[in-house]
Amino acid sequence: MYKIAVLGDHDSVYGFAAVGLDVFFAEEGPAAARRLRELVDGGYAVIYITESLFKFLEKDVSNYSEKAIPAIIPIPGASGNTGLGIERVRKSVERAVGSDMLFGASEAGKGETV
C-alpha cells in the first residue's frame, strides 16, 4: 500500500496528521532536500509540499517529474496561496494535451462582450 506524506513548516502541515497523513517538518535549506530524498526512497506515492518550500526545492523536484511515482504536489501553506499549485497543474495539462485546455478559453474570451 502506498503512503502519503506532507512536507513543510510546522504551522502549515501539522493538521494533516489528524487525517492520517505522515507529516514531516522542514524549513528551507539542505535538510529539506535530504528529507525529500528520504520520502521518495521511503515509498511515498504522493508527497504534498508547501508552496514556499516547493519553490525552494524546485530543482530537486524536477529530478522526479518524469516518474509516475511519487506525485509531488505543491499546496498552500499557512502564509497563503501563491498560485504555484494551479500553475503546475496548468503546465501539466498543457504538456499532456498540447494546449492550455484549462485556462485558454477564459484567456481568449477576455475583453469580449456577449
N, C-alpha and C. Protein backbone atom coordinates (compact mmCIF):
# COMPACT_ATOMS: atom_id res chain seq x y z
N MET A 1 0.85 -1.18 0.00
CA MET A 1 0.00 0.00 0.00
C MET A 1 0.89 1.24 0.00
N TYR A 2 0.53 2.21 -0.82
CA TYR A 2 1.30 3.44 -0.92
C TYR A 2 0.99 4.37 0.25
N LYS A 3 1.95 5.21 0.54
CA LYS A 3 1.82 6.16 1.63
C LYS A 3 1.76 7.58 1.07
N ILE A 4 1.23 8.49 1.90
CA ILE A 4 1.13 9.90 1.54
C ILE A 4 1.85 10.71 2.61
N ALA A 5 2.70 11.64 2.17
CA ALA A 5 3.44 12.50 3.09
C ALA A 5 3.11 13.96 2.82
N VAL A 6 3.26 14.76 3.86
CA VAL A 6 3.13 16.21 3.75
C VAL A 6 4.39 16.81 4.34
N LEU A 7 5.03 17.69 3.57
CA LEU A 7 6.31 18.27 3.96
C LEU A 7 6.20 19.78 3.96
N GLY A 8 6.62 20.40 5.06
CA GLY A 8 6.60 21.85 5.13
C GLY A 8 6.82 22.35 6.54
N ASP A 9 6.60 23.63 6.74
CA ASP A 9 6.78 24.21 8.06
C ASP A 9 5.69 23.71 9.01
N HIS A 10 5.99 23.72 10.29
CA HIS A 10 5.11 23.15 11.30
C HIS A 10 3.69 23.70 11.23
N ASP A 11 3.55 25.01 11.19
CA ASP A 11 2.22 25.62 11.21
C ASP A 11 1.37 25.23 10.01
N SER A 12 2.02 24.97 8.88
CA SER A 12 1.28 24.66 7.65
C SER A 12 0.85 23.20 7.56
N VAL A 13 1.60 22.29 8.16
CA VAL A 13 1.34 20.88 7.88
C VAL A 13 0.92 20.03 9.07
N TYR A 14 1.05 20.52 10.30
CA TYR A 14 0.77 19.65 11.44
C TYR A 14 -0.66 19.13 11.46
N GLY A 15 -1.61 19.87 10.94
CA GLY A 15 -3.01 19.45 10.94
C GLY A 15 -3.29 18.25 10.06
N PHE A 16 -2.43 17.98 9.08
CA PHE A 16 -2.64 16.84 8.18
C PHE A 16 -2.48 15.51 8.91
N ALA A 17 -1.79 15.51 10.03
CA ALA A 17 -1.65 14.28 10.81
C ALA A 17 -3.00 13.81 11.34
N ALA A 18 -3.91 14.73 11.57
CA ALA A 18 -5.23 14.39 12.09
C ALA A 18 -6.05 13.55 11.12
N VAL A 19 -5.73 13.63 9.83
CA VAL A 19 -6.46 12.84 8.83
C VAL A 19 -5.64 11.63 8.37
N GLY A 20 -4.58 11.33 9.11
CA GLY A 20 -3.83 10.11 8.87
C GLY A 20 -2.66 10.20 7.90
N LEU A 21 -2.30 11.41 7.48
CA LEU A 21 -1.16 11.55 6.59
C LEU A 21 0.13 11.63 7.42
N ASP A 22 1.22 11.18 6.85
CA ASP A 22 2.52 11.28 7.51
C ASP A 22 3.06 12.69 7.31
N VAL A 23 3.35 13.37 8.40
CA VAL A 23 3.74 14.77 8.38
C VAL A 23 5.23 14.89 8.72
N PHE A 24 5.93 15.70 7.93
CA PHE A 24 7.36 15.94 8.13
C PHE A 24 7.60 17.43 8.10
N PHE A 25 8.31 17.92 9.10
CA PHE A 25 8.58 19.35 9.20
C PHE A 25 9.93 19.66 8.57
N ALA A 26 9.97 20.72 7.79
CA ALA A 26 11.22 21.15 7.16
C ALA A 26 11.12 22.63 6.82
N GLU A 27 12.22 23.29 6.94
CA GLU A 27 12.36 24.68 6.53
C GLU A 27 13.31 24.69 5.33
N GLU A 28 13.41 25.80 4.65
CA GLU A 28 14.33 25.92 3.51
C GLU A 28 15.75 25.62 3.96
N GLY A 29 16.46 24.84 3.16
CA GLY A 29 17.84 24.50 3.47
C GLY A 29 18.16 23.08 3.05
N PRO A 30 19.40 22.67 3.23
CA PRO A 30 19.83 21.34 2.81
C PRO A 30 19.04 20.20 3.48
N ALA A 31 18.60 20.43 4.71
CA ALA A 31 17.83 19.39 5.40
C ALA A 31 16.52 19.09 4.67
N ALA A 32 15.93 20.09 4.05
CA ALA A 32 14.67 19.88 3.31
C ALA A 32 14.91 19.00 2.09
N ALA A 33 16.00 19.22 1.38
CA ALA A 33 16.33 18.40 0.22
C ALA A 33 16.59 16.96 0.64
N ARG A 34 17.29 16.78 1.75
CA ARG A 34 17.55 15.42 2.26
C ARG A 34 16.25 14.73 2.64
N ARG A 35 15.36 15.48 3.28
CA ARG A 35 14.07 14.91 3.70
C ARG A 35 13.26 14.48 2.48
N LEU A 36 13.26 15.29 1.43
CA LEU A 36 12.54 14.94 0.20
C LEU A 36 13.09 13.63 -0.37
N ARG A 37 14.41 13.49 -0.44
CA ARG A 37 15.01 12.24 -0.93
C ARG A 37 14.60 11.06 -0.07
N GLU A 38 14.57 11.25 1.24
CA GLU A 38 14.16 10.18 2.15
C GLU A 38 12.72 9.75 1.89
N LEU A 39 11.85 10.71 1.63
CA LEU A 39 10.45 10.40 1.37
C LEU A 39 10.30 9.64 0.05
N VAL A 40 11.02 10.09 -0.97
CA VAL A 40 10.98 9.41 -2.27
C VAL A 40 11.49 7.98 -2.12
N ASP A 41 12.60 7.82 -1.45
CA ASP A 41 13.19 6.49 -1.25
C ASP A 41 12.36 5.64 -0.28
N GLY A 42 11.54 6.30 0.52
CA GLY A 42 10.73 5.59 1.52
C GLY A 42 9.42 5.04 1.00
N GLY A 43 9.18 5.13 -0.28
CA GLY A 43 7.98 4.53 -0.86
C GLY A 43 6.72 5.37 -0.81
N TYR A 44 6.87 6.66 -0.66
CA TYR A 44 5.69 7.52 -0.67
C TYR A 44 5.24 7.75 -2.11
N ALA A 45 3.96 7.52 -2.35
CA ALA A 45 3.41 7.68 -3.70
C ALA A 45 3.00 9.12 -3.96
N VAL A 46 2.58 9.82 -2.91
CA VAL A 46 2.17 11.22 -3.03
C VAL A 46 2.90 12.00 -1.94
N ILE A 47 3.52 13.08 -2.36
CA ILE A 47 4.21 13.96 -1.41
C ILE A 47 3.69 15.38 -1.65
N TYR A 48 2.95 15.89 -0.67
CA TYR A 48 2.49 17.27 -0.71
C TYR A 48 3.57 18.13 -0.07
N ILE A 49 3.90 19.24 -0.71
CA ILE A 49 4.92 20.16 -0.18
C ILE A 49 4.33 21.57 -0.20
N THR A 50 4.51 22.30 0.88
CA THR A 50 4.02 23.67 0.90
C THR A 50 4.65 24.46 -0.24
N GLU A 51 3.90 25.38 -0.80
CA GLU A 51 4.36 26.11 -1.99
C GLU A 51 5.70 26.82 -1.77
N SER A 52 5.90 27.42 -0.60
CA SER A 52 7.16 28.13 -0.37
C SER A 52 8.33 27.15 -0.34
N LEU A 53 8.16 25.99 0.26
CA LEU A 53 9.22 25.00 0.29
C LEU A 53 9.40 24.35 -1.09
N PHE A 54 8.29 24.16 -1.79
CA PHE A 54 8.34 23.59 -3.14
C PHE A 54 9.19 24.48 -4.04
N LYS A 55 8.98 25.78 -3.94
CA LYS A 55 9.76 26.72 -4.77
C LYS A 55 11.25 26.58 -4.47
N PHE A 56 11.59 26.44 -3.19
CA PHE A 56 12.98 26.26 -2.80
C PHE A 56 13.54 24.93 -3.32
N LEU A 57 12.72 23.87 -3.36
CA LEU A 57 13.16 22.53 -3.76
C LEU A 57 12.89 22.22 -5.23
N GLU A 58 12.58 23.24 -6.03
CA GLU A 58 12.15 23.02 -7.41
C GLU A 58 13.15 22.18 -8.22
N LYS A 59 14.45 22.42 -8.07
CA LYS A 59 15.45 21.63 -8.79
C LYS A 59 15.39 20.16 -8.37
N ASP A 60 15.26 19.93 -7.08
CA ASP A 60 15.17 18.56 -6.56
C ASP A 60 13.90 17.87 -7.06
N VAL A 61 12.80 18.59 -7.04
CA VAL A 61 11.52 18.05 -7.50
C VAL A 61 11.60 17.69 -8.99
N SER A 62 12.28 18.51 -9.77
CA SER A 62 12.36 18.24 -11.22
C SER A 62 13.04 16.91 -11.51
N ASN A 63 13.88 16.42 -10.61
CA ASN A 63 14.51 15.11 -10.80
C ASN A 63 13.50 13.97 -10.81
N TYR A 64 12.34 14.20 -10.22
CA TYR A 64 11.33 13.15 -10.12
C TYR A 64 10.12 13.42 -11.01
N SER A 65 10.12 14.48 -11.79
CA SER A 65 8.93 14.90 -12.53
C SER A 65 8.53 13.94 -13.65
N GLU A 66 9.44 13.19 -14.17
CA GLU A 66 9.11 12.28 -15.28
C GLU A 66 8.66 10.90 -14.78
N LYS A 67 8.74 10.67 -13.49
CA LYS A 67 8.35 9.39 -12.92
C LYS A 67 6.89 9.43 -12.50
N ALA A 68 6.22 8.29 -12.61
CA ALA A 68 4.82 8.22 -12.20
C ALA A 68 4.68 8.34 -10.69
N ILE A 69 5.62 7.76 -9.99
CA ILE A 69 5.60 7.79 -8.53
C ILE A 69 6.96 8.27 -8.06
N PRO A 70 7.02 9.23 -7.20
CA PRO A 70 5.92 9.86 -6.48
C PRO A 70 5.34 11.04 -7.24
N ALA A 71 4.09 11.34 -6.94
CA ALA A 71 3.48 12.58 -7.39
C ALA A 71 3.84 13.62 -6.33
N ILE A 72 4.53 14.67 -6.73
CA ILE A 72 4.93 15.71 -5.79
C ILE A 72 4.10 16.95 -6.10
N ILE A 73 3.27 17.32 -5.14
CA ILE A 73 2.23 18.32 -5.39
C ILE A 73 2.37 19.49 -4.42
N PRO A 74 2.50 20.71 -4.95
CA PRO A 74 2.56 21.88 -4.06
C PRO A 74 1.18 22.22 -3.50
N ILE A 75 1.16 22.60 -2.24
CA ILE A 75 -0.07 23.02 -1.58
C ILE A 75 0.16 24.36 -0.89
N PRO A 76 -0.88 25.15 -0.71
CA PRO A 76 -0.71 26.42 0.01
C PRO A 76 -0.26 26.16 1.45
N GLY A 77 0.52 27.05 1.99
CA GLY A 77 0.95 26.96 3.37
C GLY A 77 0.18 27.94 4.23
N ALA A 78 0.60 28.05 5.48
CA ALA A 78 -0.06 28.96 6.42
C ALA A 78 0.03 30.41 5.97
N SER A 79 1.06 30.73 5.18
CA SER A 79 1.24 32.11 4.73
C SER A 79 0.34 32.46 3.55
N GLY A 80 -0.38 31.48 3.00
CA GLY A 80 -1.31 31.76 1.92
C GLY A 80 -0.97 31.07 0.62
N ASN A 81 -1.81 31.29 -0.36
CA ASN A 81 -1.69 30.67 -1.67
C ASN A 81 -0.90 31.58 -2.59
N THR A 82 0.14 31.03 -3.21
CA THR A 82 0.95 31.82 -4.14
C THR A 82 0.56 31.57 -5.60
N GLY A 83 -0.31 30.59 -5.84
CA GLY A 83 -0.71 30.26 -7.20
C GLY A 83 0.20 29.24 -7.86
N LEU A 84 1.24 28.80 -7.18
CA LEU A 84 2.19 27.84 -7.75
C LEU A 84 1.52 26.51 -8.07
N GLY A 85 0.65 26.04 -7.19
CA GLY A 85 -0.02 24.76 -7.40
C GLY A 85 -0.85 24.73 -8.68
N ILE A 86 -1.68 25.73 -8.87
CA ILE A 86 -2.54 25.76 -10.06
C ILE A 86 -1.71 25.98 -11.32
N GLU A 87 -0.62 26.71 -11.23
CA GLU A 87 0.26 26.90 -12.38
C GLU A 87 0.89 25.58 -12.80
N ARG A 88 1.28 24.75 -11.83
CA ARG A 88 1.86 23.43 -12.14
C ARG A 88 0.81 22.54 -12.80
N VAL A 89 -0.43 22.59 -12.33
CA VAL A 89 -1.50 21.80 -12.96
C VAL A 89 -1.70 22.26 -14.39
N ARG A 90 -1.74 23.57 -14.61
CA ARG A 90 -1.93 24.11 -15.95
C ARG A 90 -0.82 23.64 -16.89
N LYS A 91 0.42 23.70 -16.44
CA LYS A 91 1.54 23.27 -17.28
C LYS A 91 1.48 21.77 -17.56
N SER A 92 1.07 20.99 -16.59
CA SER A 92 0.96 19.53 -16.79
C SER A 92 -0.10 19.21 -17.83
N VAL A 93 -1.24 19.88 -17.74
CA VAL A 93 -2.31 19.65 -18.71
C VAL A 93 -1.86 20.09 -20.10
N GLU A 94 -1.21 21.24 -20.17
CA GLU A 94 -0.74 21.74 -21.46
C GLU A 94 0.27 20.78 -22.08
N ARG A 95 1.17 20.23 -21.27
CA ARG A 95 2.15 19.27 -21.78
C ARG A 95 1.46 17.98 -22.23
N ALA A 96 0.43 17.55 -21.51
CA ALA A 96 -0.25 16.29 -21.83
C ALA A 96 -1.09 16.38 -23.09
N VAL A 97 -1.79 17.50 -23.30
CA VAL A 97 -2.72 17.59 -24.43
C VAL A 97 -2.24 18.52 -25.54
N GLY A 98 -1.18 19.26 -25.30
CA GLY A 98 -0.62 20.11 -26.34
C GLY A 98 -1.17 21.51 -26.39
N SER A 99 -2.12 21.85 -25.51
CA SER A 99 -2.61 23.22 -25.44
C SER A 99 -3.16 23.47 -24.05
N ASP A 100 -3.41 24.73 -23.76
CA ASP A 100 -3.90 25.12 -22.45
C ASP A 100 -5.42 24.93 -22.41
N MET A 101 -5.84 23.73 -22.08
CA MET A 101 -7.27 23.39 -22.06
C MET A 101 -7.99 24.01 -20.87
N LEU A 102 -7.29 24.24 -19.77
CA LEU A 102 -7.94 24.73 -18.56
C LEU A 102 -8.24 26.21 -18.61
N PHE A 103 -7.27 27.00 -19.06
CA PHE A 103 -7.41 28.44 -18.97
C PHE A 103 -7.39 29.14 -20.32
N GLY A 104 -7.11 28.42 -21.38
CA GLY A 104 -7.02 29.01 -22.71
C GLY A 104 -8.31 29.67 -23.15
N ALA A 105 -9.44 29.02 -22.88
CA ALA A 105 -10.72 29.57 -23.32
C ALA A 105 -11.05 30.85 -22.56
N SER A 106 -10.76 30.87 -21.25
CA SER A 106 -11.08 32.07 -20.49
C SER A 106 -10.16 33.23 -20.87
N GLU A 107 -8.92 32.94 -21.19
CA GLU A 107 -8.00 33.98 -21.62
C GLU A 107 -8.42 34.54 -22.98
N ALA A 108 -8.87 33.66 -23.89
CA ALA A 108 -9.25 34.09 -25.23
C ALA A 108 -10.50 34.97 -25.18
N GLY A 109 -11.36 34.72 -24.18
CA GLY A 109 -12.62 35.45 -24.10
C GLY A 109 -12.53 36.78 -23.38
N LYS A 110 -11.37 37.11 -22.86
CA LYS A 110 -11.24 38.37 -22.13
C LYS A 110 -11.48 39.55 -23.06
N GLY A 111 -12.25 40.49 -22.60
CA GLY A 111 -12.47 41.69 -23.37
C GLY A 111 -13.65 41.60 -24.33
N GLU A 112 -14.17 40.41 -24.54
CA GLU A 112 -15.31 40.25 -25.46
C GLU A 112 -16.61 40.47 -24.68
N THR A 113 -17.56 41.05 -25.33
CA THR A 113 -18.87 41.21 -24.72
C THR A 113 -19.84 40.24 -25.37
N VAL A 114 -20.76 39.79 -24.55
CA VAL A 114 -21.74 38.80 -25.05
C VAL A 114 -23.10 39.41 -25.07
